[in-house]
Amino acid sequence: MTEPARIGPVPLVSTKADDIALVLEEEIVSGEIAAGAVLRQEHLSERFAVSRTPIREALRRLAALGLVSFVPNRGVRVRTLSREELREAFLVRAELESLATELAATRMTAADLRKLEAAEERFCRLTQELRGREPGDDRRRLTAEWVHANHAFHDVIYRAADSPLVERIAKSARRTFSGPAVWAPGDAVIDDLYERNDQQHRAILGALAAGSAAGARSLAREHVLASFELLDAVLRQVGAPQRGRSIAAGRG
């Protein structure tokens, strides 16, 4: 008897809607698209040179991620969040990030550590460059780069942890943390908090290099909670409301 053919997993193929959703997600999370901005299908269709069908699908995917909401008769708007929602998202990510980092400590290869070191070097360089700049558009650009570098550092850890469910949920929480209100002019206090962020990255790298699962987990949790302190300080600086009203979505 002929053995039936084995059917493996169907490979995932990126669609045009996937590609557009990814570009828009990055722009929302980095603050390039402002919280509260309206995304109009006709403009996006022209920008990406596609019909409105993949645009609508991309916007549905962003809505499923909690980044945009459909407003009757007004189109699709980039979401804003209350301070309480942001704090809750940080608490969720702190637990998931610490778990992922603990798992990574026992699974990281030499190649993973080299990638993490390279990501930390870039993050450190941008941190120092950011702290040395005066307020203005250039500092805003650097802050967006700093956020991307921060994500790149943590993404190496997620890949090494090899826990797709933890990574997916943690990144969903992470998408809550960025936005234009974060890109405020700095001062000495906020610049010191940026520096502390980098120091915590180096400490996490050291724990992972040493294979210390418990140490890495504790440092990762402390780091995420400290990141909320940075966000909170920035929001106080720009006069964002502390209760009830909404503020920009995104950071991490």
C-alpha atoms as a PDB file:
ATOM      1  CA  MET A   1       0.000   0.000   0.000  1.00  0.00           C
ATOM      2  CA  THR A   2       1.257   3.403  -0.895  1.00  0.00           C
ATOM      3  CA  GLU A   3       1.873   5.587   2.137  1.00  0.00           C
ATOM      4  CA  PRO A   4      -0.192   8.771   1.985  1.00  0.00           C
ATOM      5  CA  ALA A   5       1.731  11.909   1.255  1.00  0.00           C
ATOM      6  CA  ARG A   6       2.670  13.924   4.308  1.00  0.00           C
ATOM      7  CA  ILE A   7       1.216  17.378   4.302  1.00  0.00           C
ATOM      8  CA  GLY A   8       3.392  19.896   6.087  1.00  0.00           C
ATOM      9  CA  PRO A   9       2.471  23.373   7.290  1.00  0.00           C
ATOM     10  CA  VAL A  10       1.422  25.777   4.586  1.00  0.00           C
ATOM     11  CA  PRO A  11       4.053  28.514   4.253  1.00  0.00           C
ATOM     12  CA  LEU A  12       2.858  31.975   5.155  1.00  0.00           C
ATOM     13  CA  VAL A  13       2.877  34.356   2.198  1.00  0.00           C
ATOM     14  CA  SER A  14       3.004  38.082   2.799  1.00  0.00           C
ATOM     15  CA  THR A  15       0.191  39.917   1.035  1.00  0.00           C
ATOM     16  CA  LYS A  16       0.036  43.535  -0.082  1.00  0.00           C
ATOM     17  CA  ALA A  17      -2.298  44.238   2.855  1.00  0.00           C
ATOM     18  CA  ASP A  18       0.276  42.715   5.243  1.00  0.00           C
ATOM     19  CA  ASP A  19       3.025  44.909   3.817  1.00  0.00           C
ATOM     20  CA  ILE A  20       0.936  48.082   4.047  1.00  0.00           C
ATOM     21  CA  ALA A  21      -0.207  47.264   7.585  1.00  0.00           C
ATOM     22  CA  LEU A  22       3.409  46.761   8.664  1.00  0.00           C
ATOM     23  CA  VAL A  23       4.523  50.104   7.222  1.00  0.00           C
ATOM     24  CA  LEU A  24       1.644  51.966   8.869  1.00  0.00           C
ATOM     25  CA  GLU A  25       2.180  50.151  12.168  1.00  0.00           C
ATOM     26  CA  GLU A  26       5.823  51.237  12.254  1.00  0.00           C
ATOM     27  CA  GLU A  27       4.861  54.828  11.480  1.00  0.00           C
ATOM     28  CA  ILE A  28       2.223  54.893  14.214  1.00  0.00           C
ATOM     29  CA  VAL A  29       4.476  53.290  16.822  1.00  0.00           C
ATOM     30  CA  SER A  30       7.388  55.606  15.994  1.00  0.00           C
ATOM     31  CA  GLY A  31       5.153  58.669  16.132  1.00  0.00           C
ATOM     32  CA  GLU A  32       5.550  59.555  12.453  1.00  0.00           C
ATOM     33  CA  ILE A  33       1.755  59.341  12.208  1.00  0.00           C
ATOM     34  CA  ALA A  34       0.242  61.401  15.009  1.00  0.00           C
ATOM     35  CA  ALA A  35      -2.208  60.037  17.550  1.00  0.00           C
ATOM     36  CA  GLY A  36      -5.681  61.201  16.555  1.00  0.00           C
ATOM     37  CA  ALA A  37      -4.723  61.494  12.872  1.00  0.00           C
ATOM     38  CA  VAL A  38      -7.332  60.355  10.365  1.00  0.00           C
ATOM     39  CA  LEU A  39      -6.167  57.768   7.821  1.00  0.00           C
ATOM     40  CA  ARG A  40      -8.102  58.249   4.605  1.00  0.00           C
ATOM     41  CA  GLN A  41      -8.398  55.321   2.238  1.00  0.00           C
ATOM     42  CA  GLU A  42      -8.123  57.440  -0.896  1.00  0.00           C
ATOM     43  CA  HIS A  43      -4.846  59.001   0.281  1.00  0.00           C
ATOM     44  CA  LEU A  44      -3.393  55.656   1.286  1.00  0.00           C
ATOM     45  CA  SER A  45      -4.487  54.136  -2.002  1.00  0.00           C
ATOM     46  CA  GLU A  46      -2.576  56.830  -3.889  1.00  0.00           C
ATOM     47  CA  ARG A  47       0.448  56.567  -1.621  1.00  0.00           C
ATOM     48  CA  PHE A  48       0.850  52.796  -1.976  1.00  0.00           C
ATOM     49  CA  ALA A  49      -0.386  52.690  -5.586  1.00  0.00           C
ATOM     50  CA  VAL A  50      -2.986  50.022  -4.880  1.00  0.00           C
ATOM     51  CA  SER A  51      -6.758  49.738  -4.953  1.00  0.00           C
ATOM     52  CA  ARG A  52      -8.763  50.379  -1.805  1.00  0.00           C
ATOM     53  CA  THR A  53      -9.292  46.660  -1.160  1.00  0.00           C
ATOM     54  CA  PRO A  54      -5.831  45.973   0.360  1.00  0.00           C
ATOM     55  CA  ILE A  55      -6.008  49.352   2.114  1.00  0.00           C
ATOM     56  CA  ARG A  56      -9.255  48.379   3.853  1.00  0.00           C
ATOM     57  CA  GLU A  57      -7.769  45.023   4.848  1.00  0.00           C
ATOM     58  CA  ALA A  58      -4.615  46.682   6.207  1.00  0.00           C
ATOM     59  CA  LEU A  59      -6.708  49.099   8.269  1.00  0.00           C
ATOM     60  CA  ARG A  60      -8.755  46.193   9.659  1.00  0.00           C
ATOM     61  CA  ARG A  61      -5.519  44.564  10.786  1.00  0.00           C
ATOM     62  CA  LEU A  62      -4.375  47.748  12.485  1.00  0.00           C
ATOM     63  CA  ALA A  63      -7.765  47.966  14.215  1.00  0.00           C
ATOM     64  CA  ALA A  64      -7.354  44.380  15.437  1.00  0.00           C
ATOM     65  CA  LEU A  65      -4.007  45.413  16.940  1.00  0.00           C
ATOM     66  CA  GLY A  66      -5.693  48.297  18.744  1.00  0.00           C
ATOM     67  CA  LEU A  67      -3.757  50.955  16.840  1.00  0.00           C
ATOM     68  CA  VAL A  68      -6.679  52.548  14.989  1.00  0.00           C
ATOM     69  CA  SER A  69     -10.429  52.750  15.341  1.00  0.00           C
ATOM     70  CA  PHE A  70     -13.187  53.164  12.779  1.00  0.00           C
ATOM     71  CA  VAL A  71     -15.146  56.364  13.351  1.00  0.00           C
ATOM     72  CA  PRO A  72     -18.595  56.550  11.677  1.00  0.00           C
ATOM     73  CA  ASN A  73     -18.626  59.095   8.832  1.00  0.00           C
ATOM     74  CA  ARG A  74     -15.072  60.196   9.646  1.00  0.00           C
ATOM     75  CA  GLY A  75     -12.840  57.361   8.478  1.00  0.00           C
ATOM     76  CA  VAL A  76     -10.160  55.609  10.483  1.00  0.00           C
ATOM     77  CA  ARG A  77      -8.435  57.409  13.349  1.00  0.00           C
ATOM     78  CA  VAL A  78      -5.186  56.575  15.134  1.00  0.00           C
ATOM     79  CA  ARG A  79      -6.159  55.672  18.685  1.00  0.00           C
ATOM     80  CA  THR A  80      -5.319  57.601  21.828  1.00  0.00           C
ATOM     81  CA  LEU A  81      -5.146  56.016  25.276  1.00  0.00           C
ATOM     82  CA  SER A  82      -5.598  57.132  28.845  1.00  0.00           C
ATOM     83  CA  ARG A  83      -2.680  57.111  31.264  1.00  0.00           C
ATOM     84  CA  GLU A  84      -4.318  54.258  33.161  1.00  0.00           C
ATOM     85  CA  GLU A  85      -4.505  52.153  29.989  1.00  0.00           C
ATOM     86  CA  LEU A  86      -0.849  52.853  29.277  1.00  0.00           C
ATOM     87  CA  ARG A  87       0.193  51.874  32.803  1.00  0.00           C
ATOM     88  CA  GLU A  88      -1.788  48.651  32.599  1.00  0.00           C
ATOM     89  CA  ALA A  89      -0.150  47.811  29.274  1.00  0.00           C
ATOM     90  CA  PHE A  90       3.279  48.356  30.825  1.00  0.00           C
ATOM     91  CA  LEU A  91       2.397  46.032  33.703  1.00  0.00           C
ATOM     92  CA  VAL A  92       1.366  43.326  31.231  1.00  0.00           C
ATOM     93  CA  ARG A  93       4.515  43.745  29.176  1.00  0.00           C
ATOM     94  CA  ALA A  94       6.726  43.735  32.289  1.00  0.00           C
ATOM     95  CA  GLU A  95       5.560  40.231  33.158  1.00  0.00           C
ATOM     96  CA  LEU A  96       5.791  38.910  29.590  1.00  0.00           C
ATOM     97  CA  GLU A  97       9.118  40.598  28.877  1.00  0.00           C
ATOM     98  CA  SER A  98      10.620  39.137  32.024  1.00  0.00           C
ATOM     99  CA  LEU A  99       9.364  35.666  31.092  1.00  0.00           C
ATOM    100  CA  ALA A 100      10.778  35.922  27.560  1.00  0.00           C
ATOM    101  CA  THR A 101      14.129  37.119  28.897  1.00  0.00           C
ATOM    102  CA  GLU A 102      14.275  34.270  31.402  1.00  0.00           C
ATOM    103  CA  LEU A 103      13.618  31.758  28.615  1.00  0.00           C
ATOM    104  CA  ALA A 104      16.227  33.393  26.386  1.00  0.00           C
ATOM    105  CA  ALA A 105      18.900  33.068  29.086  1.00  0.00           C
ATOM    106  CA  THR A 106      18.975  29.300  28.656  1.00  0.00           C
ATOM    107  CA  ARG A 107      18.623  29.311  24.865  1.00  0.00           C
ATOM    108  CA  MET A 108      20.862  32.096  23.581  1.00  0.00           C
ATOM    109  CA  THR A 109      23.618  31.045  21.222  1.00  0.00           C
ATOM    110  CA  ALA A 110      26.904  32.827  20.641  1.00  0.00           C
ATOM    111  CA  ALA A 111      25.401  34.259  17.457  1.00  0.00           C
ATOM    112  CA  ASP A 112      22.390  35.578  19.408  1.00  0.00           C
ATOM    113  CA  LEU A 113      24.704  37.290  21.891  1.00  0.00           C
ATOM    114  CA  ARG A 114      26.655  38.943  19.081  1.00  0.00           C
ATOM    115  CA  LYS A 115      23.399  40.267  17.619  1.00  0.00           C
ATOM    116  CA  LEU A 116      22.312  41.523  21.038  1.00  0.00           C
ATOM    117  CA  GLU A 117      25.665  43.246  21.567  1.00  0.00           C
ATOM    118  CA  ALA A 118      25.355  44.942  18.172  1.00  0.00           C
ATOM    119  CA  ALA A 119      21.797  46.061  18.976  1.00  0.00           C
ATOM    120  CA  GLU A 120      22.953  47.451  22.328  1.00  0.00           C
ATOM    121  CA  GLU A 121      25.855  49.319  20.724  1.00  0.00           C
ATOM    122  CA  ARG A 122      23.440  51.051  18.345  1.00  0.00           C
ATOM    123  CA  PHE A 123      21.006  51.796  21.160  1.00  0.00           C
ATOM    124  CA  CYS A 124      23.819  53.217  23.317  1.00  0.00           C
ATOM    125  CA  ARG A 125      25.070  55.424  20.474  1.00  0.00           C
ATOM    126  CA  LEU A 126      21.591  56.819  19.837  1.00  0.00           C
ATOM    127  CA  THR A 127      21.019  57.372  23.558  1.00  0.00           C
ATOM    128  CA  GLN A 128      24.167  59.465  23.843  1.00  0.00           C
ATOM    129  CA  GLU A 129      23.379  61.324  20.618  1.00  0.00           C
ATOM    130  CA  LEU A 130      19.843  62.014  21.786  1.00  0.00           C
ATOM    131  CA  ARG A 131      20.992  63.350  25.155  1.00  0.00           C
ATOM    132  CA  GLY A 132      23.435  65.685  23.437  1.00  0.00           C
ATOM    133  CA  ARG A 133      20.874  67.357  21.175  1.00  0.00           C
ATOM    134  CA  GLU A 134      18.872  70.473  21.822  1.00  0.00           C
ATOM    135  CA  PRO A 135      15.051  70.333  21.528  1.00  0.00           C
ATOM    136  CA  GLY A 136      13.731  70.478  17.989  1.00  0.00           C
ATOM    137  CA  ASP A 137      12.882  68.438  14.942  1.00  0.00           C
ATOM    138  CA  ASP A 138      16.265  66.687  14.879  1.00  0.00           C
ATOM    139  CA  ARG A 139      15.776  65.456  18.423  1.00  0.00           C
ATOM    140  CA  ARG A 140      12.329  64.204  17.446  1.00  0.00           C
ATOM    141  CA  ARG A 141      13.856  62.230  14.560  1.00  0.00           C
ATOM    142  CA  LEU A 142      16.504  60.788  16.854  1.00  0.00           C
ATOM    143  CA  THR A 143      13.874  59.759  19.380  1.00  0.00           C
ATOM    144  CA  ALA A 144      12.022  57.779  16.716  1.00  0.00           C
ATOM    145  CA  GLU A 145      15.308  56.056  15.799  1.00  0.00           C
ATOM    146  CA  TRP A 146      15.933  55.400  19.501  1.00  0.00           C
ATOM    147  CA  VAL A 147      12.560  53.651  19.796  1.00  0.00           C
ATOM    148  CA  HIS A 148      13.318  51.456  16.770  1.00  0.00           C
ATOM    149  CA  ALA A 149      16.720  50.575  18.260  1.00  0.00           C
ATOM    150  CA  ASN A 150      15.058  49.728  21.558  1.00  0.00           C
ATOM    151  CA  HIS A 151      12.649  47.383  19.794  1.00  0.00           C
ATOM    152  CA  ALA A 152      15.523  45.777  17.885  1.00  0.00           C
ATOM    153  CA  PHE A 153      17.320  44.972  21.157  1.00  0.00           C
ATOM    154  CA  HIS A 154      14.267  43.277  22.639  1.00  0.00           C
ATOM    155  CA  ASP A 155      13.438  41.506  19.378  1.00  0.00           C
ATOM    156  CA  VAL A 156      16.745  39.622  19.562  1.00  0.00           C
ATOM    157  CA  ILE A 157      15.685  38.361  22.991  1.00  0.00           C
ATOM    158  CA  TYR A 158      12.236  37.351  21.729  1.00  0.00           C
ATOM    159  CA  ARG A 159      13.765  35.348  18.899  1.00  0.00           C
ATOM    160  CA  ALA A 160      16.170  33.594  21.255  1.00  0.00           C
ATOM    161  CA  ALA A 161      13.347  32.809  23.705  1.00  0.00           C
ATOM    162  CA  ASP A 162      11.559  30.973  20.880  1.00  0.00           C
ATOM    163  CA  SER A 163       8.154  31.321  22.517  1.00  0.00           C
ATOM    164  CA  PRO A 164       5.821  32.645  19.789  1.00  0.00           C
ATOM    165  CA  LEU A 165       2.756  33.100  21.998  1.00  0.00           C
ATOM    166  CA  VAL A 166       4.653  35.099  24.634  1.00  0.00           C
ATOM    167  CA  GLU A 167       6.276  37.172  21.888  1.00  0.00           C
ATOM    168  CA  ARG A 168       2.983  37.882  20.130  1.00  0.00           C
ATOM    169  CA  ILE A 169       1.170  39.017  23.273  1.00  0.00           C
ATOM    170  CA  ALA A 170       4.141  41.040  24.528  1.00  0.00           C
ATOM    171  CA  LYS A 171       4.481  42.845  21.206  1.00  0.00           C
ATOM    172  CA  SER A 172       0.763  43.556  21.216  1.00  0.00           C
ATOM    173  CA  ALA A 173       1.227  45.295  24.568  1.00  0.00           C
ATOM    174  CA  ARG A 174       4.341  47.049  23.253  1.00  0.00           C
ATOM    175  CA  ARG A 175       2.395  48.608  20.389  1.00  0.00           C
ATOM    176  CA  THR A 176       0.473  50.600  22.974  1.00  0.00           C
ATOM    177  CA  PHE A 177       3.499  52.583  24.089  1.00  0.00           C
ATOM    178  CA  SER A 178       4.594  55.073  21.423  1.00  0.00           C
ATOM    179  CA  GLY A 179       3.292  58.244  19.917  1.00  0.00           C
ATOM    180  CA  PRO A 180       3.892  61.930  19.353  1.00  0.00           C
ATOM    181  CA  ALA A 181       3.327  63.019  22.955  1.00  0.00           C
ATOM    182  CA  VAL A 182       6.436  61.023  23.866  1.00  0.00           C
ATOM    183  CA  TRP A 183       8.657  63.042  21.566  1.00  0.00           C
ATOM    184  CA  ALA A 184       8.835  66.103  23.777  1.00  0.00           C
ATOM    185  CA  PRO A 185      11.820  68.391  24.354  1.00  0.00           C
ATOM    186  CA  GLY A 186      14.177  66.819  26.866  1.00  0.00           C
ATOM    187  CA  ASP A 187      15.594  68.149  30.103  1.00  0.00           C
ATOM    188  CA  ALA A 188      18.236  66.906  32.548  1.00  0.00           C
ATOM    189  CA  VAL A 189      15.818  64.630  34.410  1.00  0.00           C
ATOM    190  CA  ILE A 190      14.446  63.013  31.254  1.00  0.00           C
ATOM    191  CA  ASP A 191      17.909  62.660  29.721  1.00  0.00           C
ATOM    192  CA  ASP A 192      19.043  60.839  32.870  1.00  0.00           C
ATOM    193  CA  LEU A 193      16.092  58.475  32.484  1.00  0.00           C
ATOM    194  CA  TYR A 194      17.146  57.792  28.885  1.00  0.00           C
ATOM    195  CA  GLU A 195      20.628  57.005  30.175  1.00  0.00           C
ATOM    196  CA  ARG A 196      19.196  54.672  32.815  1.00  0.00           C
ATOM    197  CA  ASN A 197      17.339  52.838  30.044  1.00  0.00           C
ATOM    198  CA  ASP A 198      20.630  52.152  28.301  1.00  0.00           C
ATOM    199  CA  GLN A 199      22.316  51.049  31.516  1.00  0.00           C
ATOM    200  CA  GLN A 200      19.502  48.569  32.081  1.00  0.00           C
ATOM    201  CA  HIS A 201      19.994  47.165  28.569  1.00  0.00           C
ATOM    202  CA  ARG A 202      23.658  46.573  29.357  1.00  0.00           C
ATOM    203  CA  ALA A 203      22.742  44.860  32.628  1.00  0.00           C
ATOM    204  CA  ILE A 204      20.272  42.563  30.822  1.00  0.00           C
ATOM    205  CA  LEU A 205      22.932  41.752  28.219  1.00  0.00           C
ATOM    206  CA  GLY A 206      25.380  40.872  30.987  1.00  0.00           C
ATOM    207  CA  ALA A 207      22.893  38.571  32.711  1.00  0.00           C
ATOM    208  CA  LEU A 208      22.083  36.811  29.443  1.00  0.00           C
ATOM    209  CA  ALA A 209      25.772  36.402  28.598  1.00  0.00           C
ATOM    210  CA  ALA A 210      26.263  34.828  32.034  1.00  0.00           C
ATOM    211  CA  GLY A 211      23.290  32.524  31.529  1.00  0.00           C
ATOM    212  CA  SER A 212      21.581  33.868  34.644  1.00  0.00           C
ATOM    213  CA  ALA A 213      17.885  33.178  34.038  1.00  0.00           C
ATOM    214  CA  ALA A 214      16.707  34.568  37.390  1.00  0.00           C
ATOM    215  CA  GLY A 215      18.873  37.665  37.087  1.00  0.00           C
ATOM    216  CA  ALA A 216      17.788  38.330  33.511  1.00  0.00           C
ATOM    217  CA  ARG A 217      14.130  37.973  34.444  1.00  0.00           C
ATOM    218  CA  SER A 218      14.392  40.409  37.351  1.00  0.00           C
ATOM    219  CA  LEU A 219      16.350  42.977  35.335  1.00  0.00           C
ATOM    220  CA  ALA A 220      13.901  42.816  32.420  1.00  0.00           C
ATOM    221  CA  ARG A 221      10.910  43.429  34.659  1.00  0.00           C
ATOM    222  CA  GLU A 222      12.643  46.353  36.361  1.00  0.00           C
ATOM    223  CA  HIS A 223      13.564  47.776  32.957  1.00  0.00           C
ATOM    224  CA  VAL A 224      10.014  47.769  31.569  1.00  0.00           C
ATOM    225  CA  LEU A 225       8.591  49.382  34.710  1.00  0.00           C
ATOM    226  CA  ALA A 226      11.354  52.013  34.581  1.00  0.00           C
ATOM    227  CA  SER A 227      10.376  52.702  30.978  1.00  0.00           C
ATOM    228  CA  PHE A 228       6.939  53.708  32.215  1.00  0.00           C
ATOM    229  CA  GLU A 229       8.626  56.180  34.576  1.00  0.00           C
ATOM    230  CA  LEU A 230      10.344  57.708  31.538  1.00  0.00           C
ATOM    231  CA  LEU A 231       7.073  57.949  29.629  1.00  0.00           C
ATOM    232  CA  ASP A 232       5.291  59.389  32.654  1.00  0.00           C
ATOM    233  CA  ALA A 233       7.996  62.041  33.098  1.00  0.00           C
ATOM    234  CA  VAL A 234       7.703  63.075  29.454  1.00  0.00           C
ATOM    235  CA  LEU A 235       3.933  63.284  29.667  1.00  0.00           C
ATOM    236  CA  ARG A 236       4.178  65.482  32.751  1.00  0.00           C
ATOM    237  CA  GLN A 237       6.648  67.708  30.925  1.00  0.00           C
ATOM    238  CA  VAL A 238       4.322  68.272  27.979  1.00  0.00           C
ATOM    239  CA  GLY A 239       1.340  68.748  30.266  1.00  0.00           C
ATOM    240  CA  ALA A 240      -0.553  65.615  29.261  1.00  0.00           C
ATOM    241  CA  PRO A 241      -3.538  64.861  31.509  1.00  0.00           C
ATOM    242  CA  GLN A 242      -2.851  62.336  34.243  1.00  0.00           C
ATOM    243  CA  ARG A 243      -6.341  60.922  34.562  1.00  0.00           C
ATOM    244  CA  GLY A 244      -9.335  60.285  32.376  1.00  0.00           C
ATOM    245  CA  ARG A 245      -8.424  62.060  29.180  1.00  0.00           C
ATOM    246  CA  SER A 246      -6.522  60.401  26.362  1.00  0.00           C
ATOM    247  CA  ILE A 247      -2.863  60.641  25.384  1.00  0.00           C
ATOM    248  CA  ALA A 248      -0.829  59.300  22.522  1.00  0.00           C
ATOM    249  CA  ALA A 249      -0.684  55.573  21.902  1.00  0.00           C
ATOM    250  CA  GLY A 250       2.462  53.537  21.702  1.00  0.00           C
ATOM    251  CA  ARG A 251       6.055  53.193  23.474  1.00  0.00           C
ATOM    252  CA  GLY A 252       8.261  50.400  24.590  1.00  0.00           C
END
